[in-house]
Amino acid sequence: MGKKWFQSYLTNRTQFVEITQREKGKHIQYRFQSSTKTTLYGIPQGSVLGPLLFLGYINDISLNIQGAKLVLYADDTNVLVTDRNEEVLKTKLPSVMEQLERWFHKNDFVVNTTKTAAMSFYLSHSKPSFKPPIYIRNTEIHYNSEVNFLGMRINETLSWHTHMCSLCHSLSKTFFIIKSIKKHSK
């Protein structure tokens, strides 16, 4: 019984795309819908079992990547390649990227290179960071000086300044909204 239920959860599924557009200044709404297509891969988006099944699917990635540490959170994979010697790092990076490409290909994963970024960490009082070129599927991955990581804004020097500025900006907007609501709720 359990096996058939699970199999039915993953097979014979279809999907379509729907776009809703509202005309400015009017109460008219247009709805556009694509044709329905059968889904051969993946799991239902937004499902309760989805994250668990995804983690099971990618669980072996860290066993297949040598020379790097991986941090996995939901569908976010972070690869940390370190070395004190820049020449060693130059040879480690392409090797790690090749291993990742092989694993992605073997497991039918497509990497969204527009959402992929590299970051080079360094101490603020030392020389500027070392940024050797990084490629995945013949596409160069660009370096960012700051990124969002698990809800925190981090920068190349791992200082708290970037995160605190981001947090202050968010709190300032929230405070303004609360203050505006307070005026109208009296």
N, C-alpha and C. Protein backbone atom coordinates (compact mmCIF):
# COMPACT_ATOMS: atom_id res chain seq x y z
N MET A 1 0.84 -1.19 0.00
CA MET A 1 0.00 0.00 0.00
C MET A 1 0.88 1.25 0.00
N GLY A 2 1.87 1.31 0.91
CA GLY A 2 2.71 2.49 1.04
C GLY A 2 3.49 2.80 -0.22
N LYS A 3 4.04 1.77 -0.87
CA LYS A 3 4.85 1.96 -2.07
C LYS A 3 4.00 2.53 -3.20
N LYS A 4 2.78 2.03 -3.37
CA LYS A 4 1.91 2.52 -4.44
C LYS A 4 1.48 3.96 -4.19
N TRP A 5 1.21 4.29 -2.93
CA TRP A 5 0.84 5.66 -2.59
C TRP A 5 1.98 6.61 -2.94
N PHE A 6 3.19 6.22 -2.56
CA PHE A 6 4.36 7.06 -2.81
C PHE A 6 4.62 7.19 -4.31
N GLN A 7 4.48 6.10 -5.03
CA GLN A 7 4.66 6.12 -6.48
C GLN A 7 3.63 7.03 -7.15
N SER A 8 2.39 6.99 -6.69
CA SER A 8 1.34 7.84 -7.27
C SER A 8 1.60 9.31 -6.97
N TYR A 9 2.29 9.56 -5.87
CA TYR A 9 2.65 10.94 -5.49
C TYR A 9 3.64 11.54 -6.49
N LEU A 10 4.48 10.70 -7.07
CA LEU A 10 5.55 11.18 -7.94
C LEU A 10 5.31 10.99 -9.44
N THR A 11 4.29 10.23 -9.82
CA THR A 11 4.08 9.94 -11.24
C THR A 11 2.75 10.50 -11.74
N ASN A 12 2.64 10.56 -13.07
CA ASN A 12 1.42 11.04 -13.74
C ASN A 12 0.99 12.43 -13.27
N ARG A 13 1.96 13.31 -13.10
CA ARG A 13 1.65 14.67 -12.69
C ARG A 13 1.74 15.60 -13.89
N THR A 14 0.94 16.65 -13.86
CA THR A 14 0.96 17.65 -14.92
C THR A 14 1.14 19.03 -14.30
N GLN A 15 1.52 19.97 -15.15
CA GLN A 15 1.67 21.35 -14.68
C GLN A 15 1.34 22.32 -15.80
N PHE A 16 1.04 23.55 -15.41
CA PHE A 16 0.83 24.62 -16.37
C PHE A 16 1.25 25.92 -15.71
N VAL A 17 1.42 26.94 -16.53
CA VAL A 17 1.81 28.26 -16.04
C VAL A 17 0.62 29.19 -16.24
N GLU A 18 0.32 29.99 -15.21
CA GLU A 18 -0.78 30.95 -15.31
C GLU A 18 -0.25 32.32 -14.92
N ILE A 19 -0.60 33.31 -15.74
CA ILE A 19 -0.19 34.70 -15.48
C ILE A 19 -1.46 35.53 -15.39
N THR A 20 -1.55 36.30 -14.33
CA THR A 20 -2.69 37.19 -14.15
C THR A 20 -2.20 38.62 -14.31
N GLN A 21 -2.93 39.41 -15.09
CA GLN A 21 -2.56 40.80 -15.34
C GLN A 21 -3.76 41.68 -15.06
N ARG A 22 -3.53 42.75 -14.32
CA ARG A 22 -4.58 43.71 -14.03
C ARG A 22 -4.33 44.98 -14.82
N GLU A 23 -5.38 45.50 -15.45
CA GLU A 23 -5.24 46.72 -16.22
C GLU A 23 -5.25 47.91 -15.26
N LYS A 24 -4.26 48.81 -15.40
CA LYS A 24 -4.13 49.95 -14.50
C LYS A 24 -5.37 50.84 -14.56
N GLY A 25 -5.83 51.28 -13.41
CA GLY A 25 -6.95 52.20 -13.34
C GLY A 25 -8.30 51.59 -13.59
N LYS A 26 -8.35 50.33 -13.94
CA LYS A 26 -9.62 49.66 -14.22
C LYS A 26 -9.71 48.40 -13.37
N HIS A 27 -10.89 47.92 -13.21
CA HIS A 27 -11.09 46.68 -12.45
C HIS A 27 -11.16 45.48 -13.37
N ILE A 28 -10.33 45.52 -14.43
CA ILE A 28 -10.31 44.43 -15.40
C ILE A 28 -9.08 43.57 -15.16
N GLN A 29 -9.29 42.29 -15.15
CA GLN A 29 -8.20 41.36 -14.92
C GLN A 29 -8.15 40.35 -16.06
N TYR A 30 -6.96 40.14 -16.58
CA TYR A 30 -6.77 39.16 -17.66
C TYR A 30 -6.00 37.97 -17.10
N ARG A 31 -6.38 36.79 -17.54
CA ARG A 31 -5.70 35.58 -17.08
C ARG A 31 -5.25 34.80 -18.31
N PHE A 32 -3.94 34.50 -18.33
CA PHE A 32 -3.37 33.74 -19.44
C PHE A 32 -2.85 32.42 -18.89
N GLN A 33 -3.11 31.34 -19.62
CA GLN A 33 -2.72 30.03 -19.13
C GLN A 33 -2.08 29.22 -20.27
N SER A 34 -0.97 28.58 -19.93
CA SER A 34 -0.30 27.72 -20.91
C SER A 34 -1.05 26.40 -21.01
N SER A 35 -0.68 25.62 -21.99
CA SER A 35 -1.27 24.28 -22.09
C SER A 35 -0.66 23.40 -20.99
N THR A 36 -1.32 22.34 -20.66
CA THR A 36 -0.86 21.43 -19.62
C THR A 36 0.18 20.48 -20.19
N LYS A 37 1.25 20.27 -19.46
CA LYS A 37 2.33 19.36 -19.84
C LYS A 37 2.56 18.34 -18.73
N THR A 38 2.95 17.15 -19.12
CA THR A 38 3.29 16.11 -18.15
C THR A 38 4.67 16.40 -17.59
N THR A 39 4.81 16.26 -16.26
CA THR A 39 6.08 16.49 -15.59
C THR A 39 6.79 15.16 -15.40
N LEU A 40 7.99 15.06 -15.95
CA LEU A 40 8.74 13.81 -15.85
C LEU A 40 9.69 13.79 -14.65
N TYR A 41 10.11 14.98 -14.20
CA TYR A 41 11.07 15.08 -13.11
C TYR A 41 10.51 15.97 -12.02
N GLY A 42 11.10 15.87 -10.85
CA GLY A 42 10.76 16.78 -9.78
C GLY A 42 9.63 16.29 -8.90
N ILE A 43 9.31 17.13 -7.95
CA ILE A 43 8.26 16.82 -6.98
C ILE A 43 7.32 18.01 -6.91
N PRO A 44 6.11 17.82 -6.41
CA PRO A 44 5.17 18.94 -6.34
C PRO A 44 5.73 20.09 -5.51
N GLN A 45 5.75 21.26 -6.12
CA GLN A 45 6.28 22.45 -5.45
C GLN A 45 5.34 22.86 -4.32
N GLY A 46 5.91 23.22 -3.19
CA GLY A 46 5.11 23.65 -2.06
C GLY A 46 4.53 22.50 -1.26
N SER A 47 4.90 21.29 -1.58
CA SER A 47 4.37 20.13 -0.87
C SER A 47 5.09 19.94 0.46
N VAL A 48 4.45 19.23 1.37
CA VAL A 48 5.03 18.96 2.68
C VAL A 48 6.24 18.03 2.55
N LEU A 49 6.13 17.02 1.68
CA LEU A 49 7.22 16.06 1.51
C LEU A 49 8.34 16.58 0.62
N GLY A 50 8.09 17.65 -0.15
CA GLY A 50 9.06 18.17 -1.10
C GLY A 50 10.46 18.38 -0.55
N PRO A 51 10.61 19.18 0.52
CA PRO A 51 11.96 19.41 1.06
C PRO A 51 12.67 18.14 1.50
N LEU A 52 11.92 17.23 2.11
CA LEU A 52 12.51 15.97 2.58
C LEU A 52 12.98 15.11 1.40
N LEU A 53 12.15 15.03 0.36
CA LEU A 53 12.53 14.26 -0.82
C LEU A 53 13.72 14.89 -1.54
N PHE A 54 13.75 16.22 -1.60
CA PHE A 54 14.87 16.91 -2.24
C PHE A 54 16.17 16.62 -1.49
N LEU A 55 16.12 16.71 -0.16
CA LEU A 55 17.33 16.42 0.63
C LEU A 55 17.78 14.98 0.43
N GLY A 56 16.85 14.06 0.33
CA GLY A 56 17.20 12.67 0.05
C GLY A 56 17.85 12.52 -1.31
N TYR A 57 17.37 13.29 -2.27
CA TYR A 57 17.88 13.23 -3.64
C TYR A 57 19.32 13.74 -3.74
N ILE A 58 19.62 14.81 -2.99
CA ILE A 58 20.97 15.40 -3.09
C ILE A 58 21.89 14.97 -1.96
N ASN A 59 21.43 14.07 -1.13
CA ASN A 59 22.16 13.68 0.07
C ASN A 59 23.59 13.21 -0.20
N ASP A 60 23.86 12.61 -1.34
CA ASP A 60 25.19 12.06 -1.61
C ASP A 60 26.15 13.07 -2.25
N ILE A 61 25.73 14.30 -2.47
CA ILE A 61 26.61 15.26 -3.15
C ILE A 61 27.91 15.46 -2.38
N SER A 62 27.84 15.58 -1.06
CA SER A 62 29.06 15.82 -0.28
C SER A 62 30.00 14.61 -0.31
N LEU A 63 29.47 13.42 -0.57
CA LEU A 63 30.32 12.23 -0.67
C LEU A 63 31.08 12.19 -2.00
N ASN A 64 30.60 12.96 -2.98
CA ASN A 64 31.19 12.95 -4.32
C ASN A 64 32.07 14.16 -4.63
N ILE A 65 32.22 15.05 -3.68
CA ILE A 65 33.02 16.25 -3.90
C ILE A 65 34.21 16.23 -2.94
N GLN A 66 35.40 16.14 -3.50
CA GLN A 66 36.63 16.14 -2.71
C GLN A 66 37.31 17.51 -2.81
N GLY A 67 37.90 17.97 -1.71
CA GLY A 67 38.64 19.24 -1.73
C GLY A 67 37.79 20.44 -1.40
N ALA A 68 36.55 20.22 -0.94
CA ALA A 68 35.67 21.33 -0.59
C ALA A 68 34.72 20.89 0.52
N LYS A 69 34.21 21.88 1.24
CA LYS A 69 33.16 21.62 2.23
C LYS A 69 31.87 22.17 1.64
N LEU A 70 30.78 21.42 1.82
CA LEU A 70 29.49 21.85 1.30
C LEU A 70 28.54 22.17 2.45
N VAL A 71 27.80 23.26 2.28
CA VAL A 71 26.75 23.63 3.21
C VAL A 71 25.45 23.56 2.42
N LEU A 72 24.57 22.64 2.81
CA LEU A 72 23.30 22.44 2.10
C LEU A 72 22.16 22.93 2.97
N TYR A 73 21.29 23.73 2.38
CA TYR A 73 20.08 24.17 3.07
C TYR A 73 18.97 24.25 2.03
N ALA A 74 17.98 23.38 2.16
CA ALA A 74 16.89 23.27 1.19
C ALA A 74 17.50 23.11 -0.20
N ASP A 75 17.20 24.02 -1.14
CA ASP A 75 17.76 23.90 -2.49
C ASP A 75 18.95 24.81 -2.70
N ASP A 76 19.55 25.28 -1.61
CA ASP A 76 20.70 26.18 -1.67
C ASP A 76 21.96 25.39 -1.32
N THR A 77 22.91 25.35 -2.23
CA THR A 77 24.17 24.65 -2.00
C THR A 77 25.30 25.64 -2.00
N ASN A 78 26.10 25.64 -0.93
CA ASN A 78 27.25 26.52 -0.82
C ASN A 78 28.50 25.66 -0.76
N VAL A 79 29.48 26.03 -1.58
CA VAL A 79 30.71 25.26 -1.69
C VAL A 79 31.85 26.12 -1.16
N LEU A 80 32.58 25.61 -0.18
CA LEU A 80 33.68 26.34 0.42
C LEU A 80 35.00 25.63 0.08
N VAL A 81 35.82 26.32 -0.71
CA VAL A 81 37.13 25.80 -1.10
C VAL A 81 38.17 26.70 -0.45
N THR A 82 39.04 26.12 0.36
CA THR A 82 40.03 26.93 1.09
C THR A 82 41.44 26.40 0.90
N ASP A 83 42.38 27.32 1.00
CA ASP A 83 43.79 26.98 1.07
C ASP A 83 44.56 28.27 1.34
N ARG A 84 45.66 28.16 2.08
CA ARG A 84 46.49 29.34 2.35
C ARG A 84 47.35 29.71 1.14
N ASN A 85 47.62 28.73 0.29
CA ASN A 85 48.47 28.94 -0.86
C ASN A 85 47.61 29.21 -2.10
N GLU A 86 47.81 30.36 -2.74
CA GLU A 86 47.01 30.75 -3.90
C GLU A 86 47.21 29.79 -5.08
N GLU A 87 48.42 29.28 -5.26
CA GLU A 87 48.67 28.35 -6.37
C GLU A 87 47.92 27.04 -6.17
N VAL A 88 47.86 26.56 -4.95
CA VAL A 88 47.12 25.33 -4.65
C VAL A 88 45.63 25.59 -4.88
N LEU A 89 45.16 26.75 -4.46
CA LEU A 89 43.76 27.12 -4.65
C LEU A 89 43.39 27.18 -6.13
N LYS A 90 44.32 27.67 -6.95
CA LYS A 90 44.09 27.74 -8.40
C LYS A 90 43.87 26.35 -9.01
N THR A 91 44.49 25.33 -8.46
CA THR A 91 44.29 23.98 -8.99
C THR A 91 43.09 23.28 -8.33
N LYS A 92 42.82 23.63 -7.07
CA LYS A 92 41.69 23.02 -6.35
C LYS A 92 40.35 23.43 -6.95
N LEU A 93 40.19 24.71 -7.25
CA LEU A 93 38.91 25.22 -7.74
C LEU A 93 38.40 24.52 -9.00
N PRO A 94 39.21 24.43 -10.06
CA PRO A 94 38.71 23.74 -11.25
C PRO A 94 38.37 22.27 -10.99
N SER A 95 39.14 21.63 -10.12
CA SER A 95 38.88 20.23 -9.78
C SER A 95 37.53 20.09 -9.09
N VAL A 96 37.26 20.96 -8.11
CA VAL A 96 35.99 20.92 -7.39
C VAL A 96 34.84 21.22 -8.35
N MET A 97 35.01 22.21 -9.22
CA MET A 97 33.95 22.57 -10.16
C MET A 97 33.67 21.42 -11.13
N GLU A 98 34.72 20.72 -11.55
CA GLU A 98 34.54 19.57 -12.44
C GLU A 98 33.76 18.45 -11.74
N GLN A 99 34.09 18.21 -10.48
CA GLN A 99 33.36 17.20 -9.70
C GLN A 99 31.89 17.58 -9.56
N LEU A 100 31.63 18.86 -9.30
CA LEU A 100 30.25 19.34 -9.18
C LEU A 100 29.50 19.16 -10.50
N GLU A 101 30.14 19.54 -11.60
CA GLU A 101 29.51 19.39 -12.92
C GLU A 101 29.15 17.94 -13.19
N ARG A 102 30.08 17.03 -12.87
CA ARG A 102 29.82 15.60 -13.08
C ARG A 102 28.61 15.15 -12.26
N TRP A 103 28.57 15.57 -10.97
CA TRP A 103 27.48 15.17 -10.10
C TRP A 103 26.15 15.75 -10.61
N PHE A 104 26.16 17.03 -11.00
CA PHE A 104 24.94 17.66 -11.53
C PHE A 104 24.45 16.92 -12.78
N HIS A 105 25.38 16.62 -13.67
CA HIS A 105 25.01 15.93 -14.92
C HIS A 105 24.44 14.54 -14.63
N LYS A 106 25.13 13.80 -13.77
CA LYS A 106 24.71 12.43 -13.43
C LYS A 106 23.33 12.41 -12.78
N ASN A 107 22.99 13.47 -12.04
CA ASN A 107 21.72 13.53 -11.32
C ASN A 107 20.68 14.42 -12.00
N ASP A 108 20.93 14.77 -13.27
CA ASP A 108 19.98 15.57 -14.07
C ASP A 108 19.64 16.92 -13.43
N PHE A 109 20.63 17.57 -12.85
CA PHE A 109 20.42 18.91 -12.29
C PHE A 109 20.88 19.95 -13.30
N VAL A 110 20.16 21.06 -13.35
CA VAL A 110 20.56 22.19 -14.18
C VAL A 110 20.91 23.32 -13.22
N VAL A 111 22.10 23.87 -13.37
CA VAL A 111 22.53 24.96 -12.50
C VAL A 111 22.10 26.29 -13.11
N ASN A 112 21.43 27.10 -12.32
CA ASN A 112 21.04 28.43 -12.77
C ASN A 112 22.24 29.35 -12.52
N THR A 113 23.04 29.57 -13.55
CA THR A 113 24.27 30.36 -13.39
C THR A 113 23.97 31.83 -13.11
N THR A 114 22.76 32.31 -13.44
CA THR A 114 22.43 33.70 -13.12
C THR A 114 22.20 33.90 -11.63
N LYS A 115 21.90 32.81 -10.92
CA LYS A 115 21.72 32.89 -9.47
C LYS A 115 22.94 32.37 -8.71
N THR A 116 23.98 32.04 -9.44
CA THR A 116 25.18 31.49 -8.83
C THR A 116 26.22 32.59 -8.70
N ALA A 117 26.83 32.70 -7.54
CA ALA A 117 27.84 33.74 -7.29
C ALA A 117 29.02 33.14 -6.54
N ALA A 118 30.16 33.77 -6.72
CA ALA A 118 31.37 33.38 -5.99
C ALA A 118 31.72 34.51 -5.03
N MET A 119 32.41 34.16 -3.98
CA MET A 119 32.87 35.17 -3.03
C MET A 119 34.23 34.74 -2.51
N SER A 120 35.12 35.69 -2.40
CA SER A 120 36.45 35.43 -1.88
C SER A 120 36.60 36.15 -0.55
N PHE A 121 36.81 35.39 0.52
CA PHE A 121 36.93 35.99 1.85
C PHE A 121 38.37 36.37 2.15
N TYR A 122 38.53 37.47 2.86
CA TYR A 122 39.86 37.91 3.28
C TYR A 122 39.74 38.79 4.52
N LEU A 123 40.87 38.94 5.24
CA LEU A 123 40.88 39.81 6.41
C LEU A 123 40.95 41.26 5.95
N SER A 124 40.24 42.13 6.62
CA SER A 124 40.15 43.52 6.17
C SER A 124 41.50 44.23 6.16
N HIS A 125 42.42 43.83 7.01
CA HIS A 125 43.73 44.51 7.06
C HIS A 125 44.77 43.87 6.14
N SER A 126 44.39 42.80 5.48
CA SER A 126 45.34 42.13 4.58
C SER A 126 45.18 42.64 3.16
N LYS A 127 45.94 42.05 2.26
CA LYS A 127 45.84 42.44 0.85
C LYS A 127 44.47 42.08 0.28
N PRO A 128 44.06 42.69 -0.83
CA PRO A 128 42.75 42.38 -1.43
C PRO A 128 42.62 40.89 -1.74
N SER A 129 41.38 40.45 -1.83
CA SER A 129 41.10 39.03 -2.01
C SER A 129 41.60 38.50 -3.35
N PHE A 130 41.89 37.23 -3.35
CA PHE A 130 42.35 36.49 -4.51
C PHE A 130 41.12 35.94 -5.21
N LYS A 131 40.94 36.25 -6.50
CA LYS A 131 39.73 35.85 -7.21
C LYS A 131 40.07 35.15 -8.53
N PRO A 132 40.46 33.88 -8.45
CA PRO A 132 40.72 33.15 -9.69
C PRO A 132 39.41 32.89 -10.44
N PRO A 133 39.46 32.76 -11.75
CA PRO A 133 38.23 32.51 -12.51
C PRO A 133 37.61 31.16 -12.13
N ILE A 134 36.28 31.14 -12.08
CA ILE A 134 35.53 29.93 -11.76
C ILE A 134 34.51 29.72 -12.88
N TYR A 135 34.47 28.51 -13.41
CA TYR A 135 33.55 28.19 -14.51
C TYR A 135 32.69 26.99 -14.15
N ILE A 136 31.44 27.05 -14.60
CA ILE A 136 30.57 25.88 -14.53
C ILE A 136 29.84 25.81 -15.87
N ARG A 137 29.95 24.68 -16.53
CA ARG A 137 29.39 24.48 -17.87
C ARG A 137 29.80 25.60 -18.83
N ASN A 138 31.08 25.91 -18.81
CA ASN A 138 31.69 26.93 -19.67
C ASN A 138 31.16 28.34 -19.46
N THR A 139 30.53 28.57 -18.34
CA THR A 139 30.04 29.91 -18.00
C THR A 139 30.82 30.40 -16.79
N GLU A 140 31.38 31.60 -16.90
CA GLU A 140 32.14 32.14 -15.78
C GLU A 140 31.20 32.60 -14.68
N ILE A 141 31.53 32.22 -13.46
CA ILE A 141 30.76 32.63 -12.28
C ILE A 141 31.38 33.92 -11.76
N HIS A 142 30.55 34.94 -11.61
CA HIS A 142 31.04 36.25 -11.18
C HIS A 142 31.16 36.33 -9.66
N TYR A 143 32.11 37.12 -9.23
CA TYR A 143 32.33 37.34 -7.80
C TYR A 143 31.44 38.48 -7.31
N ASN A 144 30.87 38.30 -6.13
CA ASN A 144 30.11 39.36 -5.46
C ASN A 144 30.85 39.76 -4.20
N SER A 145 30.75 41.01 -3.83
CA SER A 145 31.41 41.45 -2.60
C SER A 145 30.52 41.21 -1.38
N GLU A 146 29.21 41.00 -1.62
CA GLU A 146 28.30 40.64 -0.53
C GLU A 146 27.15 39.81 -1.07
N VAL A 147 26.63 38.92 -0.22
CA VAL A 147 25.52 38.04 -0.60
C VAL A 147 24.62 37.78 0.61
N ASN A 148 23.41 37.29 0.32
CA ASN A 148 22.53 36.80 1.39
C ASN A 148 22.89 35.35 1.64
N PHE A 149 23.05 35.00 2.91
CA PHE A 149 23.37 33.63 3.28
C PHE A 149 22.52 33.26 4.49
N LEU A 150 21.52 32.41 4.25
CA LEU A 150 20.62 31.93 5.31
C LEU A 150 20.04 33.09 6.13
N GLY A 151 19.58 34.12 5.43
CA GLY A 151 18.93 35.25 6.08
C GLY A 151 19.87 36.32 6.58
N MET A 152 21.16 36.12 6.40
CA MET A 152 22.13 37.14 6.83
C MET A 152 22.81 37.73 5.61
N ARG A 153 23.15 38.98 5.69
CA ARG A 153 23.87 39.66 4.62
C ARG A 153 25.35 39.62 5.01
N ILE A 154 26.17 38.89 4.24
CA ILE A 154 27.59 38.80 4.58
C ILE A 154 28.43 39.43 3.47
N ASN A 155 29.63 39.88 3.86
CA ASN A 155 30.54 40.46 2.88
C ASN A 155 31.88 39.73 2.91
N GLU A 156 32.78 40.16 2.04
CA GLU A 156 34.07 39.47 1.86
C GLU A 156 34.93 39.44 3.12
N THR A 157 34.78 40.43 3.99
CA THR A 157 35.61 40.49 5.19
C THR A 157 34.92 39.88 6.41
N LEU A 158 33.70 39.37 6.19
CA LEU A 158 32.89 38.77 7.26
C LEU A 158 32.67 39.71 8.44
N SER A 159 32.59 41.02 8.14
CA SER A 159 32.28 41.99 9.19
C SER A 159 30.77 42.06 9.35
N TRP A 160 30.31 42.56 10.47
CA TRP A 160 28.88 42.67 10.74
C TRP A 160 28.27 43.91 10.09
N HIS A 161 29.08 44.80 9.57
CA HIS A 161 28.60 46.09 9.05
C HIS A 161 27.51 45.91 7.98
N THR A 162 27.74 45.07 7.00
CA THR A 162 26.78 44.88 5.91
C THR A 162 25.45 44.37 6.42
N HIS A 163 25.49 43.37 7.31
CA HIS A 163 24.26 42.81 7.85
C HIS A 163 23.52 43.84 8.70
N MET A 164 24.24 44.58 9.52
CA MET A 164 23.61 45.57 10.40
C MET A 164 22.96 46.69 9.58
N CYS A 165 23.60 47.14 8.51
CA CYS A 165 23.01 48.16 7.65
C CYS A 165 21.72 47.64 7.01
N SER A 166 21.74 46.42 6.55
CA SER A 166 20.56 45.80 5.94
C SER A 166 19.44 45.66 6.97
N LEU A 167 19.79 45.23 8.16
CA LEU A 167 18.81 45.07 9.24
C LEU A 167 18.22 46.42 9.64
N CYS A 168 19.05 47.44 9.77
CA CYS A 168 18.56 48.78 10.12
C CYS A 168 17.60 49.31 9.06
N HIS A 169 17.92 49.06 7.80
CA HIS A 169 17.05 49.50 6.71
C HIS A 169 15.68 48.82 6.81
N SER A 170 15.67 47.51 7.05
CA SER A 170 14.42 46.77 7.19
C SER A 170 13.62 47.25 8.39
N LEU A 171 14.30 47.44 9.51
CA LEU A 171 13.62 47.90 10.72
C LEU A 171 13.06 49.30 10.55
N SER A 172 13.78 50.15 9.83
CA SER A 172 13.32 51.52 9.59
C SER A 172 12.02 51.50 8.78
N LYS A 173 11.96 50.65 7.74
CA LYS A 173 10.74 50.55 6.94
C LYS A 173 9.58 50.01 7.78
N THR A 174 9.85 49.00 8.59
CA THR A 174 8.82 48.42 9.44
C THR A 174 8.32 49.44 10.46
N PHE A 175 9.24 50.19 11.06
CA PHE A 175 8.86 51.22 12.04
C PHE A 175 7.97 52.28 11.38
N PHE A 176 8.30 52.69 10.16
CA PHE A 176 7.50 53.68 9.44
C PHE A 176 6.08 53.16 9.21
N ILE A 177 5.96 51.89 8.81
CA ILE A 177 4.64 51.30 8.57
C ILE A 177 3.83 51.26 9.86
N ILE A 178 4.45 50.83 10.95
CA ILE A 178 3.75 50.75 12.24
C ILE A 178 3.32 52.15 12.69
N LYS A 179 4.20 53.12 12.52
CA LYS A 179 3.89 54.50 12.90
C LYS A 179 2.72 55.04 12.07
N SER A 180 2.70 54.72 10.78
CA SER A 180 1.61 55.16 9.90
C SER A 180 0.29 54.52 10.30
N ILE A 181 0.32 53.23 10.62
CA ILE A 181 -0.90 52.52 11.02
C ILE A 181 -1.42 53.10 12.34
N LYS A 182 -0.50 53.41 13.24
CA LYS A 182 -0.88 53.94 14.56
C LYS A 182 -1.67 55.23 14.42
N LYS A 183 -1.25 56.09 13.48
CA LYS A 183 -1.94 57.37 13.26
C LYS A 183 -3.38 57.16 12.84
N HIS A 184 -3.63 56.14 12.05
CA HIS A 184 -4.96 55.90 11.49
C HIS A 184 -5.83 55.00 12.36
N SER A 185 -5.27 54.40 13.37
CA SER A 185 -6.05 53.46 14.18
C SER A 185 -6.61 54.10 15.45
N LYS A 186 -6.36 55.37 15.69
CA LYS A 186 -6.87 56.03 16.91
C LYS A 186 -8.32 56.39 16.78
